[in-house]
C-alpha atoms as a PDB file:
ATOM      1  CA  MET A   1      -0.185  -0.015  -0.131  1.00  0.00           C
ATOM      2  CA  ALA A   2       3.211   2.739   0.554  1.00  0.00           C
ATOM      3  CA  PHE A   3       4.102   2.037  -2.701  1.00  0.00           C
ATOM      4  CA  GLU A   4       0.651   2.890  -4.302  1.00  0.00           C
ATOM      5  CA  LEU A   5       0.730   5.960  -2.310  1.00  0.00           C
ATOM      6  CA  LEU A   6       4.460   6.907  -3.772  1.00  0.00           C
ATOM      7  CA  GLU A   7       3.040   6.165  -7.303  1.00  0.00           C
ATOM      8  CA  ILE A   8       0.234   8.583  -6.381  1.00  0.00           C
ATOM      9  CA  LEU A   9       2.370  11.172  -5.107  1.00  0.00           C
ATOM     10  CA  VAL A  10       4.886  10.881  -8.040  1.00  0.00           C
ATOM     11  CA  ALA A  11       2.349  11.332 -10.635  1.00  0.00           C
ATOM     12  CA  ALA A  12       1.053  14.140  -9.251  1.00  0.00           C
ATOM     13  CA  ARG A  13       4.328  15.837  -8.308  1.00  0.00           C
ATOM     14  CA  PRO A  14       4.836  19.121  -7.572  1.00  0.00           C
ATOM     15  CA  ARG A  15       1.130  19.383  -6.748  1.00  0.00           C
ATOM     16  CA  VAL A  16       0.018  18.480  -3.260  1.00  0.00           C
ATOM     17  CA  VAL A  17      -2.774  15.787  -2.971  1.00  0.00           C
ATOM     18  CA  PRO A  18      -5.600  16.223  -0.799  1.00  0.00           C
ATOM     19  CA  LYS A  19      -6.201  13.546   1.949  1.00  0.00           C
ATOM     20  CA  ALA A  20      -9.049  13.097   0.984  1.00  0.00           C
ATOM     21  CA  GLU A  21      -8.312  11.943  -2.369  1.00  0.00           C
ATOM     22  CA  LEU A  22      -5.690  10.043  -1.524  1.00  0.00           C
ATOM     23  CA  LEU A  23      -8.166   8.151   0.969  1.00  0.00           C
ATOM     24  CA  LYS A  24     -10.541   7.799  -1.434  1.00  0.00           C
ATOM     25  CA  ARG A  25      -7.909   6.223  -4.336  1.00  0.00           C
ATOM     26  CA  LEU A  26      -6.298   3.671  -1.555  1.00  0.00           C
ATOM     27  CA  TRP A  27      -9.401   2.458   0.029  1.00  0.00           C
ATOM     28  CA  PRO A  28     -11.956   3.080  -2.183  1.00  0.00           C
ATOM     29  CA  THR A  29     -14.337   0.743  -0.411  1.00  0.00           C
ATOM     30  CA  THR A  30     -13.054   0.751   2.853  1.00  0.00           C
ATOM     31  CA  PHE A  31     -13.625   3.768   5.473  1.00  0.00           C
ATOM     32  CA  VAL A  32      -9.985   4.289   7.372  1.00  0.00           C
ATOM     33  CA  VAL A  33      -8.805   6.965   9.737  1.00  0.00           C
ATOM     34  CA  GLU A  34      -6.117   9.466   8.219  1.00  0.00           C
ATOM     35  CA  ALA A  35      -3.817   7.936  10.685  1.00  0.00           C
ATOM     36  CA  ASN A  36      -3.565   5.231   8.273  1.00  0.00           C
ATOM     37  CA  LEU A  37      -2.151   7.462   5.516  1.00  0.00           C
ATOM     38  CA  ALA A  38       0.331   9.264   8.014  1.00  0.00           C
ATOM     39  CA  ASN A  39       1.736   5.643   8.817  1.00  0.00           C
ATOM     40  CA  LEU A  40       2.083   5.089   5.229  1.00  0.00           C
ATOM     41  CA  VAL A  41       3.494   8.150   4.557  1.00  0.00           C
ATOM     42  CA  GLY A  42       6.187   7.001   7.915  1.00  0.00           C
ATOM     43  CA  GLU A  43       6.746   3.949   5.978  1.00  0.00           C
ATOM     44  CA  ILE A  44       7.663   5.597   2.758  1.00  0.00           C
ATOM     45  CA  ARG A  45       9.888   8.151   4.387  1.00  0.00           C
ATOM     46  CA  ALA A  46      12.034   5.222   6.372  1.00  0.00           C
ATOM     47  CA  ALA A  47      12.484   3.670   2.959  1.00  0.00           C
ATOM     48  CA  LEU A  48      13.675   6.115   1.389  1.00  0.00           C
ATOM     49  CA  GLY A  49      15.821   7.834   4.178  1.00  0.00           C
ATOM     50  CA  GLU A  50      16.233  10.986   5.909  1.00  0.00           C
ATOM     51  CA  CYS A  51      16.786  13.937   3.795  1.00  0.00           C
ATOM     52  CA  GLU A  52      16.465  17.725   3.800  1.00  0.00           C
ATOM     53  CA  PRO A  53      14.102  18.683   2.934  1.00  0.00           C
ATOM     54  CA  PRO A  54      11.964  15.730   2.969  1.00  0.00           C
ATOM     55  CA  LEU A  55      10.970  14.147  -0.402  1.00  0.00           C
ATOM     56  CA  VAL A  56       7.660  13.805   0.910  1.00  0.00           C
ATOM     57  CA  ARG A  57       6.295  17.033   2.186  1.00  0.00           C
ATOM     58  CA  THR A  58       3.151  17.403   4.566  1.00  0.00           C
ATOM     59  CA  VAL A  59       1.185  20.366   4.070  1.00  0.00           C
ATOM     60  CA  TYR A  60      -0.633  19.668   7.319  1.00  0.00           C
ATOM     61  CA  GLY A  61      -4.228  19.791   7.651  1.00  0.00           C
ATOM     62  CA  PHE A  62      -4.637  19.177   3.689  1.00  0.00           C
ATOM     63  CA  GLY A  63      -1.766  16.724   2.095  1.00  0.00           C
ATOM     64  CA  TYR A  64       1.309  15.539   1.147  1.00  0.00           C
ATOM     65  CA  GLY A  65       3.387  16.080  -1.989  1.00  0.00           C
ATOM     66  CA  PHE A  66       6.587  15.011  -3.556  1.00  0.00           C
ATOM     67  CA  SER A  67       8.606  17.236  -4.059  1.00  0.00           C
ATOM     68  CA  ALA A  68      11.992  15.921  -5.873  1.00  0.00           C
ATOM     69  CA  GLU A  69      12.612  15.522  -9.617  1.00  0.00           C
ATOM     70  CA  VAL A  70      12.446  11.947 -10.481  1.00  0.00           C
ATOM     71  CA  THR A  71      14.591  10.460 -13.438  1.00  0.00           C
ATOM     72  CA  SER A  72      14.686   6.970 -14.659  1.00  0.00           C
ATOM     73  CA  ASP A  73      18.205   4.945 -14.781  1.00  0.00           C
ATOM     74  CA  VAL A  74      16.740   2.308 -15.907  1.00  0.00           C
ATOM     75  CA  PRO A  75      18.574   0.979 -18.824  1.00  0.00           C
ATOM     76  CA  ILE A  76      15.930   0.067 -21.802  1.00  0.00           C
ATOM     77  CA  ALA A  77      16.997  -2.833 -23.379  1.00  0.00           C
ATOM     78  CA  GLY A  78      17.849  -1.893 -26.752  1.00  0.00           C
ATOM     79  CA  GLY A  79      16.782   1.525 -26.465  1.00  0.00           C
ATOM     80  CA  ALA A  80      13.350   0.420 -27.591  1.00  0.00           C
ATOM     81  CA  PRO A  81      10.566   2.541 -27.005  1.00  0.00           C
ATOM     82  CA  PHE A  82       7.748   1.431 -24.344  1.00  0.00           C
ATOM     83  CA  CYS A  83       4.807   3.022 -25.737  1.00  0.00           C
ATOM     84  CA  TRP A  84       4.691   5.615 -28.806  1.00  0.00           C
ATOM     85  CA  LEU A  85       1.886   9.087 -28.865  1.00  0.00           C
ATOM     86  CA  VAL A  86       0.605   9.187 -32.324  1.00  0.00           C
ATOM     87  CA  TYR A  87      -0.910  12.448 -33.461  1.00  0.00           C
ATOM     88  CA  LYS A  88      -1.416  13.998 -36.999  1.00  0.00           C
ATOM     89  CA  GLU A  89       2.262  15.206 -37.268  1.00  0.00           C
ATOM     90  CA  GLY A  90       3.360  11.590 -36.826  1.00  0.00           C
ATOM     91  CA  ARG A  91       4.498   9.511 -33.461  1.00  0.00           C
ATOM     92  CA  VAL A  92       6.735  10.514 -30.424  1.00  0.00           C
ATOM     93  CA  PRO A  93       8.477   7.249 -28.641  1.00  0.00           C
ATOM     94  CA  LEU A  94       8.231   7.074 -25.111  1.00  0.00           C
ATOM     95  CA  GLN A  95      11.023   5.125 -23.137  1.00  0.00           C
ATOM     96  CA  GLU A  96      11.032   4.904 -18.984  1.00  0.00           C
ATOM     97  CA  GLY A  97      10.930   7.958 -17.651  1.00  0.00           C
ATOM     98  CA  ASP A  98       9.293  11.290 -17.155  1.00  0.00           C
ATOM     99  CA  HIS A  99       7.783  13.308 -20.161  1.00  0.00           C
ATOM    100  CA  LEU A 100       6.124  16.692 -20.489  1.00  0.00           C
ATOM    101  CA  VAL A 101       3.475  17.396 -23.051  1.00  0.00           C
ATOM    102  CA  GLY A 102       2.509  20.653 -24.178  1.00  0.00           C
ATOM    103  CA  ARG A 103       3.776  23.974 -26.034  1.00  0.00           C
ATOM    104  CA  HIS A 104       7.059  24.010 -23.575  1.00  0.00           C
ATOM    105  CA  PRO A 105       9.650  23.341 -26.216  1.00  0.00           C
ATOM    106  CA  ASP A 106      11.059  20.382 -23.916  1.00  0.00           C
ATOM    107  CA  SER A 107       8.021  18.847 -24.703  1.00  0.00           C
ATOM    108  CA  VAL A 108       7.970  15.310 -26.054  1.00  0.00           C
ATOM    109  CA  VAL A 109       5.144  16.345 -28.261  1.00  0.00           C
ATOM    110  CA  PRO A 110       5.896  19.598 -30.532  1.00  0.00           C
ATOM    111  CA  ILE A 111       2.684  21.171 -30.325  1.00  0.00           C
ATOM    112  CA  ASP A 112       1.473  24.616 -31.581  1.00  0.00           C
ATOM    113  CA  SER A 113      -2.131  25.097 -30.756  1.00  0.00           C
ATOM    114  CA  SER A 114      -3.921  27.871 -28.353  1.00  0.00           C
ATOM    115  CA  THR A 115      -5.681  25.092 -26.782  1.00  0.00           C
ATOM    116  CA  VAL A 116      -3.032  23.596 -25.207  1.00  0.00           C
ATOM    117  CA  SER A 117      -0.782  24.718 -22.165  1.00  0.00           C
ATOM    118  CA  ARG A 118       2.675  25.361 -22.191  1.00  0.00           C
ATOM    119  CA  ASN A 119       3.009  23.085 -19.177  1.00  0.00           C
ATOM    120  CA  HIS A 120      -0.213  20.858 -20.191  1.00  0.00           C
ATOM    121  CA  ALA A 121       0.245  17.199 -19.130  1.00  0.00           C
ATOM    122  CA  ARG A 122       3.218  14.493 -17.816  1.00  0.00           C
ATOM    123  CA  ILE A 123       3.224  11.125 -19.194  1.00  0.00           C
ATOM    124  CA  VAL A 124       5.704   8.958 -16.564  1.00  0.00           C
ATOM    125  CA  VAL A 125       6.663   5.918 -17.753  1.00  0.00           C
ATOM    126  CA  LEU A 126       7.894   3.275 -15.457  1.00  0.00           C
ATOM    127  CA  GLY A 127       7.944  -0.423 -14.824  1.00  0.00           C
ATOM    128  CA  GLY A 128       6.336  -0.936 -18.089  1.00  0.00           C
ATOM    129  CA  ARG A 129       3.140   1.366 -16.913  1.00  0.00           C
ATOM    130  CA  ALA A 130       2.197   4.761 -18.079  1.00  0.00           C
ATOM    131  CA  VAL A 131       0.495   7.498 -15.890  1.00  0.00           C
ATOM    132  CA  LEU A 132      -0.652  10.501 -17.116  1.00  0.00           C
ATOM    133  CA  THR A 133      -1.502  13.535 -15.279  1.00  0.00           C
ATOM    134  CA  ASP A 134      -2.804  16.895 -15.706  1.00  0.00           C
ATOM    135  CA  LEU A 135      -0.557  20.025 -15.112  1.00  0.00           C
ATOM    136  CA  GLY A 136      -3.480  22.571 -14.123  1.00  0.00           C
ATOM    137  CA  SER A 137      -4.119  23.165 -17.625  1.00  0.00           C
ATOM    138  CA  ARG A 138      -6.567  25.877 -19.086  1.00  0.00           C
ATOM    139  CA  ASN A 139      -8.749  23.859 -21.340  1.00  0.00           C
ATOM    140  CA  GLY A 140      -7.746  20.199 -19.664  1.00  0.00           C
ATOM    141  CA  THR A 141      -7.078  16.767 -20.781  1.00  0.00           C
ATOM    142  CA  PHE A 142      -9.362  13.974 -21.368  1.00  0.00           C
ATOM    143  CA  VAL A 143      -8.489   9.965 -21.314  1.00  0.00           C
ATOM    144  CA  ARG A 144     -11.456   7.696 -22.769  1.00  0.00           C
ATOM    145  CA  GLY A 145     -13.801  10.903 -22.657  1.00  0.00           C
ATOM    146  CA  ALA A 146     -13.208  12.242 -19.240  1.00  0.00           C
ATOM    147  CA  ARG A 147     -11.391  14.819 -17.762  1.00  0.00           C
ATOM    148  CA  VAL A 148      -8.250  13.611 -15.998  1.00  0.00           C
ATOM    149  CA  GLN A 149      -9.042  14.743 -12.478  1.00  0.00           C
ATOM    150  CA  GLY A 150      -5.847  12.671 -11.011  1.00  0.00           C
ATOM    151  CA  PRO A 151      -3.224  10.415 -12.284  1.00  0.00           C
ATOM    152  CA  VAL A 152      -4.603   7.964 -15.042  1.00  0.00           C
ATOM    153  CA  THR A 153      -3.194   4.335 -15.898  1.00  0.00           C
ATOM    154  CA  LEU A 154      -2.963   4.627 -19.903  1.00  0.00           C
ATOM    155  CA  ARG A 155      -3.699   1.589 -21.797  1.00  0.00           C
ATOM    156  CA  ASP A 156      -2.759   0.463 -25.037  1.00  0.00           C
ATOM    157  CA  GLY A 157      -5.523   2.487 -27.497  1.00  0.00           C
ATOM    158  CA  ASP A 158      -6.734   4.945 -25.410  1.00  0.00           C
ATOM    159  CA  SER A 159      -7.719   8.334 -26.777  1.00  0.00           C
ATOM    160  CA  ILE A 160      -5.991  11.226 -25.372  1.00  0.00           C
ATOM    161  CA  PHE A 161      -7.203  15.200 -26.057  1.00  0.00           C
ATOM    162  CA  LEU A 162      -5.124  17.639 -24.760  1.00  0.00           C
ATOM    163  CA  GLY A 163      -7.546  20.560 -25.308  1.00  0.00           C
ATOM    164  CA  SER A 164      -8.437  20.364 -28.478  1.00  0.00           C
ATOM    165  CA  LEU A 165      -5.653  18.445 -30.025  1.00  0.00           C
ATOM    166  CA  PRO A 166      -6.235  14.494 -30.013  1.00  0.00           C
ATOM    167  CA  ILE A 167      -3.137  11.771 -29.598  1.00  0.00           C
ATOM    168  CA  THR A 168      -3.601   7.753 -29.383  1.00  0.00           C
ATOM    169  CA  PHE A 169      -1.413   6.108 -26.737  1.00  0.00           C
ATOM    170  CA  ARG A 170      -0.001   2.595 -28.586  1.00  0.00           C
ATOM    171  CA  VAL A 171       1.901   0.295 -26.656  1.00  0.00           C
ATOM    172  CA  PRO A 172       3.611  -2.329 -29.462  1.00  0.00           C
ATOM    173  CA  ASP A 173       2.480  -5.846 -28.993  1.00  0.00           C
ATOM    174  CA  PRO A 174       5.640  -7.795 -28.007  1.00  0.00           C
ATOM    175  CA  THR A 175       4.340 -11.154 -29.856  1.00  0.00           C
ATOM    176  CA  ASP A 176       4.706  -9.009 -33.069  1.00  0.00           C
ATOM    177  CA  GLU A 177       7.617 -10.072 -35.154  1.00  0.00           C
ATOM    178  CA  LEU A 178      10.246  -7.337 -36.235  1.00  0.00           C
ATOM    179  CA  VAL A 179      11.258  -7.499 -39.577  1.00  0.00           C
ATOM    180  CA  LEU A 180      14.020  -5.966 -40.963  1.00  0.00           C
ATOM    181  CA  PRO A 181      14.544  -4.792 -44.295  1.00  0.00           C
ATOM    182  CA  ALA A 182      17.088  -7.098 -46.415  1.00  0.00           C
END
C-alpha cells in the first residue's frame, strides 16, 4: 500500500494531493482514519531515508506532495520505446522516464495550439506502466472521454485530448515479429 501511495504522489508532483483524494484512491470501498495515511507516509520516508527537505512533504491539514524531480537510470533493452504517442504530425516514442506534454520547448510532442497549455500534462513511464497527469491546464486533459482529475494509467489505444488536440496512446504488441529490411 505504501508503494501505491508513493506512485500517486510521484505521478502528481509537484501538486500536493489532498488527504481526502488519497484516502478515496487507496481505500475506495473501505472507511479508514487519516492516521493510516500518516503511517504509510512514515513507511515511505523510512524506506527513502532521511533527507532535508523531505522527499514527501506534508501540508498540514491538507495533504501530501512529492518534492523531488524524478529521473530514470533503468536501462532500456536496445533503447526500444515502451510506448508511442500518435498524432496528426506523426508518432513520438516514449521510453521509461518523465515526459512533459505541452507547448513548452522541452515537450516530447511539438505542439502549436492555443488550446494546449505550455506545461499541459505529464506522462511517467515506469515499470511497464504509463501514467498521465494533467498539470492544471486551462482547457483540460481528457482520457477515454473523461476529464483527467488525478493520475490515470494509460492503456493501449487510449484516446487522449490535450485541449482540442487528439493523441492516441499505443503500446507495441510484444508478440509481433520485428521484420528488418534485407
